[in-house]
Amino acid sequence: FENDATDPDLPGYEVLNLYTSYTPAAFDQLELRLDVRNVFDATYASRSSDGLDATGAVVPLTEPGRTFLVTAKMRF
């Protein structure tokens, strides 16, 4: 969504995040997960960190580029 209620206008953006997970049949308490965040490596500033301060100056605090995460979770 675009935000036209501020000065300057904040353009809209789209980000694609993907993940897949795998639980081995022999270890049903284990979950392996692969995440790819910001698949298209877009440069954007999250609305929660737009950098607007009391003076009205805008300092964009951009999110990281494409990120790969591999995680393992064990339930017991």
PDB file of N, CA and C in Angstrom:
ATOM      1  N   PHE A   1       0.824  -1.177   0.000  1.00  0.00           N
ATOM      2  CA  PHE A   1       0.000   0.000   0.000  1.00  0.00           C
ATOM      3  C   PHE A   1       0.871   1.245   0.000  1.00  0.00           C
ATOM      4  N   GLU A   2       0.441   2.243  -0.712  1.00  0.00           N
ATOM      5  CA  GLU A   2       1.141   3.516  -0.688  1.00  0.00           C
ATOM      6  C   GLU A   2       0.635   4.352   0.465  1.00  0.00           C
ATOM      7  N   ASN A   3       1.474   5.227   0.981  1.00  0.00           N
ATOM      8  CA  ASN A   3       1.088   6.113   2.071  1.00  0.00           C
ATOM      9  C   ASN A   3       1.241   7.543   1.582  1.00  0.00           C
ATOM     10  N   ASP A   4       0.125   8.156   1.188  1.00  0.00           N
ATOM     11  CA  ASP A   4       0.137   9.527   0.689  1.00  0.00           C
ATOM     12  C   ASP A   4      -0.144  10.544   1.796  1.00  0.00           C
ATOM     13  N   ALA A   5      -0.330  10.072   3.033  1.00  0.00           N
ATOM     14  CA  ALA A   5      -0.673  10.959   4.134  1.00  0.00           C
ATOM     15  C   ALA A   5       0.560  11.570   4.795  1.00  0.00           C
ATOM     16  N   THR A   6       1.728  11.259   4.305  1.00  0.00           N
ATOM     17  CA  THR A   6       2.963  11.791   4.884  1.00  0.00           C
ATOM     18  C   THR A   6       3.674  12.652   3.858  1.00  0.00           C
ATOM     19  N   ASP A   7       4.603  13.422   4.320  1.00  0.00           N
ATOM     20  CA  ASP A   7       5.424  14.225   3.412  1.00  0.00           C
ATOM     21  C   ASP A   7       6.870  13.868   3.686  1.00  0.00           C
ATOM     22  N   PRO A   8       7.571  13.240   2.805  1.00  0.00           N
ATOM     23  CA  PRO A   8       7.208  12.902   1.422  1.00  0.00           C
ATOM     24  C   PRO A   8       6.327  11.655   1.362  1.00  0.00           C
ATOM     25  N   ASP A   9       5.734  11.437   0.184  1.00  0.00           N
ATOM     26  CA  ASP A   9       4.929  10.242  -0.036  1.00  0.00           C
ATOM     27  C   ASP A   9       5.809   9.006   0.088  1.00  0.00           C
ATOM     28  N   LEU A  10       5.250   7.949   0.665  1.00  0.00           N
ATOM     29  CA  LEU A  10       5.970   6.688   0.790  1.00  0.00           C
ATOM     30  C   LEU A  10       5.392   5.708  -0.218  1.00  0.00           C
ATOM     31  N   PRO A  11       6.176   5.275  -1.212  1.00  0.00           N
ATOM     32  CA  PRO A  11       5.659   4.373  -2.232  1.00  0.00           C
ATOM     33  C   PRO A  11       5.388   2.982  -1.662  1.00  0.00           C
ATOM     34  N   GLY A  12       4.497   2.257  -2.308  1.00  0.00           N
ATOM     35  CA  GLY A  12       4.215   0.884  -1.910  1.00  0.00           C
ATOM     36  C   GLY A  12       5.344  -0.039  -2.337  1.00  0.00           C
ATOM     37  N   TYR A  13       5.355  -1.255  -1.779  1.00  0.00           N
ATOM     38  CA  TYR A  13       6.360  -2.241  -2.156  1.00  0.00           C
ATOM     39  C   TYR A  13       5.784  -3.634  -1.971  1.00  0.00           C
ATOM     40  N   GLU A  14       6.400  -4.615  -2.611  1.00  0.00           N
ATOM     41  CA  GLU A  14       6.027  -6.019  -2.476  1.00  0.00           C
ATOM     42  C   GLU A  14       7.286  -6.820  -2.241  1.00  0.00           C
ATOM     43  N   VAL A  15       7.205  -7.787  -1.354  1.00  0.00           N
ATOM     44  CA  VAL A  15       8.343  -8.647  -1.039  1.00  0.00           C
ATOM     45  C   VAL A  15       7.849 -10.084  -1.023  1.00  0.00           C
ATOM     46  N   LEU A  16       8.625 -10.995  -1.597  1.00  0.00           N
ATOM     47  CA  LEU A  16       8.266 -12.411  -1.616  1.00  0.00           C
ATOM     48  C   LEU A  16       9.215 -13.180  -0.705  1.00  0.00           C
ATOM     49  N   ASN A  17       8.644 -13.879   0.276  1.00  0.00           N
ATOM     50  CA  ASN A  17       9.390 -14.765   1.164  1.00  0.00           C
ATOM     51  C   ASN A  17       8.881 -16.184   0.937  1.00  0.00           C
ATOM     52  N   LEU A  18       9.796 -17.157   0.872  1.00  0.00           N
ATOM     53  CA  LEU A  18       9.425 -18.558   0.675  1.00  0.00           C
ATOM     54  C   LEU A  18      10.080 -19.417   1.739  1.00  0.00           C
ATOM     55  N   TYR A  19       9.430 -20.527   2.095  1.00  0.00           N
ATOM     56  CA  TYR A  19      10.072 -21.491   2.973  1.00  0.00           C
ATOM     57  C   TYR A  19       9.552 -22.888   2.673  1.00  0.00           C
ATOM     58  N   THR A  20      10.342 -23.868   3.052  1.00  0.00           N
ATOM     59  CA  THR A  20       9.926 -25.256   2.991  1.00  0.00           C
ATOM     60  C   THR A  20      10.462 -25.936   4.240  1.00  0.00           C
ATOM     61  N   SER A  21       9.760 -26.956   4.704  1.00  0.00           N
ATOM     62  CA  SER A  21      10.221 -27.683   5.882  1.00  0.00           C
ATOM     63  C   SER A  21      10.109 -29.182   5.632  1.00  0.00           C
ATOM     64  N   TYR A  22      10.899 -29.930   6.385  1.00  0.00           N
ATOM     65  CA  TYR A  22      10.956 -31.387   6.228  1.00  0.00           C
ATOM     66  C   TYR A  22      11.070 -32.017   7.604  1.00  0.00           C
ATOM     67  N   THR A  23      10.254 -33.027   7.852  1.00  0.00           N
ATOM     68  CA  THR A  23      10.328 -33.810   9.077  1.00  0.00           C
ATOM     69  C   THR A  23      10.637 -35.252   8.692  1.00  0.00           C
ATOM     70  N   PRO A  24      11.838 -35.749   9.043  1.00  0.00           N
ATOM     71  CA  PRO A  24      12.195 -37.131   8.698  1.00  0.00           C
ATOM     72  C   PRO A  24      11.258 -38.131   9.378  1.00  0.00           C
ATOM     73  N   ALA A  25      10.886 -39.184   8.668  1.00  0.00           N
ATOM     74  CA  ALA A  25       9.966 -40.187   9.218  1.00  0.00           C
ATOM     75  C   ALA A  25      10.551 -40.858  10.463  1.00  0.00           C
ATOM     76  N   ALA A  26      11.859 -41.074  10.479  1.00  0.00           N
ATOM     77  CA  ALA A  26      12.496 -41.754  11.613  1.00  0.00           C
ATOM     78  C   ALA A  26      12.667 -40.840  12.825  1.00  0.00           C
ATOM     79  N   PHE A  27      12.583 -39.517  12.639  1.00  0.00           N
ATOM     80  CA  PHE A  27      12.759 -38.551  13.716  1.00  0.00           C
ATOM     81  C   PHE A  27      11.619 -37.543  13.665  1.00  0.00           C
ATOM     82  N   ASP A  28      10.411 -37.971  14.040  1.00  0.00           N
ATOM     83  CA  ASP A  28       9.253 -37.097  13.894  1.00  0.00           C
ATOM     84  C   ASP A  28       9.271 -35.888  14.827  1.00  0.00           C
ATOM     85  N   GLN A  29      10.207 -35.828  15.769  1.00  0.00           N
ATOM     86  CA  GLN A  29      10.335 -34.660  16.638  1.00  0.00           C
ATOM     87  C   GLN A  29      11.298 -33.615  16.060  1.00  0.00           C
ATOM     88  N   LEU A  30      11.916 -33.912  14.920  1.00  0.00           N
ATOM     89  CA  LEU A  30      12.868 -33.013  14.277  1.00  0.00           C
ATOM     90  C   LEU A  30      12.221 -32.329  13.072  1.00  0.00           C
ATOM     91  N   GLU A  31      12.416 -31.027  12.949  1.00  0.00           N
ATOM     92  CA  GLU A  31      11.953 -30.291  11.772  1.00  0.00           C
ATOM     93  C   GLU A  31      13.124 -29.504  11.197  1.00  0.00           C
ATOM     94  N   LEU A  32      13.405 -29.700   9.918  1.00  0.00           N
ATOM     95  CA  LEU A  32      14.425 -28.943   9.190  1.00  0.00           C
ATOM     96  C   LEU A  32      13.709 -27.947   8.298  1.00  0.00           C
ATOM     97  N   ARG A  33      14.233 -26.723   8.248  1.00  0.00           N
ATOM     98  CA  ARG A  33      13.532 -25.672   7.492  1.00  0.00           C
ATOM     99  C   ARG A  33      14.532 -24.841   6.698  1.00  0.00           C
ATOM    100  N   LEU A  34      14.147 -24.487   5.472  1.00  0.00           N
ATOM    101  CA  LEU A  34      14.924 -23.600   4.610  1.00  0.00           C
ATOM    102  C   LEU A  34      14.049 -22.399   4.275  1.00  0.00           C
ATOM    103  N   ASP A  35      14.534 -21.194   4.560  1.00  0.00           N
ATOM    104  CA  ASP A  35      13.835 -19.951   4.251  1.00  0.00           C
ATOM    105  C   ASP A  35      14.630 -19.152   3.229  1.00  0.00           C
ATOM    106  N   VAL A  36      13.943 -18.533   2.298  1.00  0.00           N
ATOM    107  CA  VAL A  36      14.530 -17.528   1.419  1.00  0.00           C
ATOM    108  C   VAL A  36      13.664 -16.288   1.583  1.00  0.00           C
ATOM    109  N   ARG A  37      14.255 -15.244   2.136  1.00  0.00           N
ATOM    110  CA  ARG A  37      13.524 -13.998   2.369  1.00  0.00           C
ATOM    111  C   ARG A  37      13.968 -12.962   1.356  1.00  0.00           C
ATOM    112  N   ASN A  38      13.006 -12.166   0.901  1.00  0.00           N
ATOM    113  CA  ASN A  38      13.258 -11.132  -0.105  1.00  0.00           C
ATOM    114  C   ASN A  38      13.846 -11.769  -1.367  1.00  0.00           C
ATOM    115  N   VAL A  39      13.111 -12.720  -1.938  1.00  0.00           N
ATOM    116  CA  VAL A  39      13.566 -13.530  -3.069  1.00  0.00           C
ATOM    117  C   VAL A  39      14.093 -12.680  -4.227  1.00  0.00           C
ATOM    118  N   PHE A  40      13.432 -11.574  -4.535  1.00  0.00           N
ATOM    119  CA  PHE A  40      13.836 -10.755  -5.680  1.00  0.00           C
ATOM    120  C   PHE A  40      14.830  -9.662  -5.297  1.00  0.00           C
ATOM    121  N   ASP A  41      15.361  -9.709  -4.069  1.00  0.00           N
ATOM    122  CA  ASP A  41      16.410  -8.801  -3.604  1.00  0.00           C
ATOM    123  C   ASP A  41      16.001  -7.337  -3.759  1.00  0.00           C
ATOM    124  N   ALA A  42      14.752  -7.041  -3.379  1.00  0.00           N
ATOM    125  CA  ALA A  42      14.226  -5.674  -3.482  1.00  0.00           C
ATOM    126  C   ALA A  42      14.803  -4.785  -2.380  1.00  0.00           C
ATOM    127  N   THR A  43      15.054  -3.526  -2.702  1.00  0.00           N
ATOM    128  CA  THR A  43      15.462  -2.554  -1.694  1.00  0.00           C
ATOM    129  C   THR A  43      14.217  -1.829  -1.231  1.00  0.00           C
ATOM    130  N   TYR A  44      13.922  -1.928   0.066  1.00  0.00           N
ATOM    131  CA  TYR A  44      12.717  -1.300   0.603  1.00  0.00           C
ATOM    132  C   TYR A  44      12.921  -0.993   2.078  1.00  0.00           C
ATOM    133  N   ALA A  45      12.111  -0.078   2.575  1.00  0.00           N
ATOM    134  CA  ALA A  45      12.107   0.254   3.999  1.00  0.00           C
ATOM    135  C   ALA A  45      10.774  -0.203   4.572  1.00  0.00           C
ATOM    136  N   SER A  46      10.825  -1.068   5.557  1.00  0.00           N
ATOM    137  CA  SER A  46       9.612  -1.553   6.211  1.00  0.00           C
ATOM    138  C   SER A  46       8.864  -0.381   6.831  1.00  0.00           C
ATOM    139  N   ARG A  47       7.542  -0.446   6.836  1.00  0.00           N
ATOM    140  CA  ARG A  47       6.749   0.639   7.402  1.00  0.00           C
ATOM    141  C   ARG A  47       7.016   0.813   8.894  1.00  0.00           C
ATOM    142  N   SER A  48       7.471  -0.246   9.558  1.00  0.00           N
ATOM    143  CA  SER A  48       7.766  -0.124  10.985  1.00  0.00           C
ATOM    144  C   SER A  48       9.121   0.530  11.232  1.00  0.00           C
ATOM    145  N   SER A  49       9.907   0.745  10.180  1.00  0.00           N
ATOM    146  CA  SER A  49      11.225   1.396  10.331  1.00  0.00           C
ATOM    147  C   SER A  49      11.430   2.406   9.216  1.00  0.00           C
ATOM    148  N   ASP A  50      10.435   3.274   9.000  1.00  0.00           N
ATOM    149  CA  ASP A  50      10.510   4.203   7.876  1.00  0.00           C
ATOM    150  C   ASP A  50      11.483   5.351   8.105  1.00  0.00           C
ATOM    151  N   GLY A  51      12.003   5.527   9.325  1.00  0.00           N
ATOM    152  CA  GLY A  51      13.008   6.550   9.576  1.00  0.00           C
ATOM    153  C   GLY A  51      12.460   7.951   9.729  1.00  0.00           C
ATOM    154  N   LEU A  52      11.142   8.124   9.793  1.00  0.00           N
ATOM    155  CA  LEU A  52      10.576   9.460   9.994  1.00  0.00           C
ATOM    156  C   LEU A  52      10.837   9.908  11.424  1.00  0.00           C
ATOM    157  N   ASP A  53      11.295  11.129  11.592  1.00  0.00           N
ATOM    158  CA  ASP A  53      11.495  11.652  12.939  1.00  0.00           C
ATOM    159  C   ASP A  53      10.718  12.955  13.101  1.00  0.00           C
ATOM    160  N   ALA A  54      10.877  13.603  14.222  1.00  0.00           N
ATOM    161  CA  ALA A  54      10.095  14.803  14.536  1.00  0.00           C
ATOM    162  C   ALA A  54      10.379  15.963  13.585  1.00  0.00           C
ATOM    163  N   THR A  55      11.544  15.973  12.934  1.00  0.00           N
ATOM    164  CA  THR A  55      11.889  17.079  12.043  1.00  0.00           C
ATOM    165  C   THR A  55      11.322  16.882  10.646  1.00  0.00           C
ATOM    166  N   GLY A  56      10.777  15.703  10.378  1.00  0.00           N
ATOM    167  CA  GLY A  56      10.228  15.437   9.054  1.00  0.00           C
ATOM    168  C   GLY A  56      11.267  14.924   8.072  1.00  0.00           C
ATOM    169  N   ALA A  57      12.528  14.809   8.522  1.00  0.00           N
ATOM    170  CA  ALA A  57      13.573  14.268   7.649  1.00  0.00           C
ATOM    171  C   ALA A  57      13.358  12.772   7.491  1.00  0.00           C
ATOM    172  N   VAL A  58      13.627  12.276   6.303  1.00  0.00           N
ATOM    173  CA  VAL A  58      13.466  10.855   6.043  1.00  0.00           C
ATOM    174  C   VAL A  58      14.835  10.243   5.820  1.00  0.00           C
ATOM    175  N   VAL A  59      15.171   9.299   6.676  1.00  0.00           N
ATOM    176  CA  VAL A  59      16.397   8.522   6.529  1.00  0.00           C
ATOM    177  C   VAL A  59      15.948   7.070   6.407  1.00  0.00           C
ATOM    178  N   PRO A  60      15.912   6.530   5.194  1.00  0.00           N
ATOM    179  CA  PRO A  60      15.394   5.171   5.037  1.00  0.00           C
ATOM    180  C   PRO A  60      16.283   4.149   5.740  1.00  0.00           C
ATOM    181  N   LEU A  61      15.662   3.315   6.532  1.00  0.00           N
ATOM    182  CA  LEU A  61      16.342   2.214   7.198  1.00  0.00           C
ATOM    183  C   LEU A  61      15.944   0.955   6.442  1.00  0.00           C
ATOM    184  N   THR A  62      16.686   0.648   5.390  1.00  0.00           N
ATOM    185  CA  THR A  62      16.287  -0.428   4.489  1.00  0.00           C
ATOM    186  C   THR A  62      16.479  -1.796   5.120  1.00  0.00           C
ATOM    187  N   GLU A  63      15.655  -2.722   4.668  1.00  0.00           N
ATOM    188  CA  GLU A  63      15.720  -4.108   5.118  1.00  0.00           C
ATOM    189  C   GLU A  63      16.862  -4.816   4.397  1.00  0.00           C
ATOM    190  N   PRO A  64      17.334  -5.946   4.949  1.00  0.00           N
ATOM    191  CA  PRO A  64      18.419  -6.670   4.286  1.00  0.00           C
ATOM    192  C   PRO A  64      17.977  -7.192   2.923  1.00  0.00           C
ATOM    193  N   GLY A  65      18.942  -7.440   2.072  1.00  0.00           N
ATOM    194  CA  GLY A  65      18.647  -8.007   0.752  1.00  0.00           C
ATOM    195  C   GLY A  65      18.242  -9.459   0.883  1.00  0.00           C
ATOM    196  N   ARG A  66      18.389 -10.205  -0.191  1.00  0.00           N
ATOM    197  CA  ARG A  66      18.021 -11.622  -0.188  1.00  0.00           C
ATOM    198  C   ARG A  66      18.772 -12.334   0.933  1.00  0.00           C
ATOM    199  N   THR A  67      18.030 -13.123   1.716  1.00  0.00           N
ATOM    200  CA  THR A  67      18.602 -13.804   2.870  1.00  0.00           C
ATOM    201  C   THR A  67      18.197 -15.274   2.847  1.00  0.00           C
ATOM    202  N   PHE A  68      19.169 -16.145   3.114  1.00  0.00           N
ATOM    203  CA  PHE A  68      18.914 -17.583   3.204  1.00  0.00           C
ATOM    204  C   PHE A  68      19.087 -18.014   4.657  1.00  0.00           C
ATOM    205  N   LEU A  69      18.144 -18.803   5.162  1.00  0.00           N
ATOM    206  CA  LEU A  69      18.213 -19.310   6.528  1.00  0.00           C
ATOM    207  C   LEU A  69      17.985 -20.812   6.520  1.00  0.00           C
ATOM    208  N   VAL A  70      18.792 -21.522   7.267  1.00  0.00           N
ATOM    209  CA  VAL A  70      18.600 -22.955   7.474  1.00  0.00           C
ATOM    210  C   VAL A  70      18.469 -23.152   8.981  1.00  0.00           C
ATOM    211  N   THR A  71      17.365 -23.757   9.404  1.00  0.00           N
ATOM    212  CA  THR A  71      17.145 -23.965  10.837  1.00  0.00           C
ATOM    213  C   THR A  71      16.725 -25.409  11.101  1.00  0.00           C
ATOM    214  N   ALA A  72      17.016 -25.847  12.304  1.00  0.00           N
ATOM    215  CA  ALA A  72      16.578 -27.159  12.785  1.00  0.00           C
ATOM    216  C   ALA A  72      15.895 -26.942  14.121  1.00  0.00           C
ATOM    217  N   LYS A  73      14.759 -27.605  14.307  1.00  0.00           N
ATOM    218  CA  LYS A  73      14.019 -27.505  15.563  1.00  0.00           C
ATOM    219  C   LYS A  73      13.730 -28.909  16.073  1.00  0.00           C
ATOM    220  N   MET A  74      14.063 -29.154  17.347  1.00  0.00           N
ATOM    221  CA  MET A  74      13.823 -30.446  17.972  1.00  0.00           C
ATOM    222  C   MET A  74      12.792 -30.276  19.076  1.00  0.00           C
ATOM    223  N   ARG A  75      11.726 -31.044  18.994  1.00  0.00           N
ATOM    224  CA  ARG A  75      10.687 -31.013  20.028  1.00  0.00           C
ATOM    225  C   ARG A  75      10.898 -32.195  20.969  1.00  0.00           C
ATOM    226  N   PHE A  76      10.918 -31.908  22.268  1.00  0.00           N
ATOM    227  CA  PHE A  76      11.013 -32.990  23.243  1.00  0.00           C
ATOM    228  C   PHE A  76      10.407 -32.581  24.549  1.00  0.00           C
TER     229      PHE A  76
END
